[in-house]
């Protein structure tokens, strides 16, 4: 299985991605952590299988989230 990282921009409620894929969940997780540490435009990141569709709504209860700097409403 291959993985990708999806992020949600600050005040955005839909996941976005850049098309980069990873051979392992751990590689994708490390990339997500690094990306969210550097990029101030996003505040939530998750790791999902490549087959996961684009544009899904963001839920802060999603167990696939690996980085979350957003407060639950």
Protein backbone atom coordinates (compact mmCIF):
# COMPACT_ATOMS: atom_id res chain seq x y z
CA UNK A 1 0.00 0.00 0.00
CA UNK A 2 1.20 3.53 -0.71
CA UNK A 3 0.27 6.64 1.23
CA UNK A 4 -0.18 10.36 0.74
CA UNK A 5 -0.42 13.37 3.02
CA UNK A 6 -3.47 15.59 3.00
CA UNK A 7 -3.60 18.95 4.74
CA UNK A 8 -6.24 21.52 5.56
CA UNK A 9 -5.41 25.17 5.31
CA UNK A 10 -6.15 27.50 8.18
CA UNK A 11 -9.95 27.98 8.33
CA UNK A 12 -10.49 25.48 5.49
CA UNK A 13 -12.79 22.49 5.87
CA UNK A 14 -11.64 20.34 2.93
CA UNK A 15 -8.51 18.22 2.63
CA UNK A 16 -5.93 19.17 -0.01
CA UNK A 17 -2.85 17.36 -1.28
CA UNK A 18 0.21 17.85 -3.46
CA UNK A 19 0.32 14.49 -5.24
CA UNK A 20 3.44 13.21 -3.49
CA UNK A 21 3.26 9.54 -2.44
CA UNK A 22 5.19 7.45 0.10
CA UNK A 23 6.03 3.77 0.31
CA UNK A 24 5.27 3.53 4.04
CA UNK A 25 2.90 5.13 6.52
CA UNK A 26 5.88 6.23 8.63
CA UNK A 27 7.53 8.07 5.72
CA UNK A 28 4.27 9.91 5.05
CA UNK A 29 3.80 10.67 8.75
CA UNK A 30 7.29 12.18 9.03
CA UNK A 31 6.67 14.27 5.90
CA UNK A 32 3.36 15.53 7.33
CA UNK A 33 4.98 16.53 10.61
CA UNK A 34 7.81 18.32 8.82
CA UNK A 35 5.44 20.06 6.41
CA UNK A 36 3.16 21.35 9.15
CA UNK A 37 6.16 22.58 11.16
CA UNK A 38 7.39 24.66 8.20
CA UNK A 39 4.20 25.77 6.52
CA UNK A 40 2.08 28.29 8.39
CA UNK A 41 -0.75 28.08 5.83
CA UNK A 42 -2.04 24.73 7.08
CA UNK A 43 -2.99 23.64 10.57
CA UNK A 44 -4.13 19.98 10.19
CA UNK A 45 -2.51 17.04 8.41
CA UNK A 46 -3.33 13.39 7.97
CA UNK A 47 -1.89 10.30 6.29
CA UNK A 48 -4.21 8.29 4.06
CA UNK A 49 -3.98 5.52 1.45
CA UNK A 50 -3.39 6.84 -2.07
CA UNK A 51 -6.89 5.66 -3.07
CA UNK A 52 -8.51 8.17 -0.69
CA UNK A 53 -10.49 10.69 -2.76
CA UNK A 54 -9.65 14.38 -2.84
CA UNK A 55 -11.90 16.99 -1.31
CA UNK A 56 -13.25 15.05 1.67
CA UNK A 57 -14.54 17.24 4.51
CA UNK A 58 -12.24 17.75 7.50
CA UNK A 59 -13.28 16.12 10.77
CA UNK A 60 -11.04 16.72 13.77
CA UNK A 61 -12.16 13.31 15.09
CA UNK A 62 -10.51 11.59 12.10
CA UNK A 63 -8.12 8.93 13.46
CA UNK A 64 -5.82 9.42 10.44
CA UNK A 65 -4.80 12.92 11.63
CA UNK A 66 -1.12 13.05 12.59
CA UNK A 67 -0.75 16.80 13.18
CA UNK A 68 -3.43 19.14 14.50
CA UNK A 69 -2.89 22.75 15.51
CA UNK A 70 -6.60 23.55 15.30
CA UNK A 71 -8.97 23.74 18.22
CA UNK A 72 -12.21 21.80 18.12
CA UNK A 73 -15.24 24.05 17.86
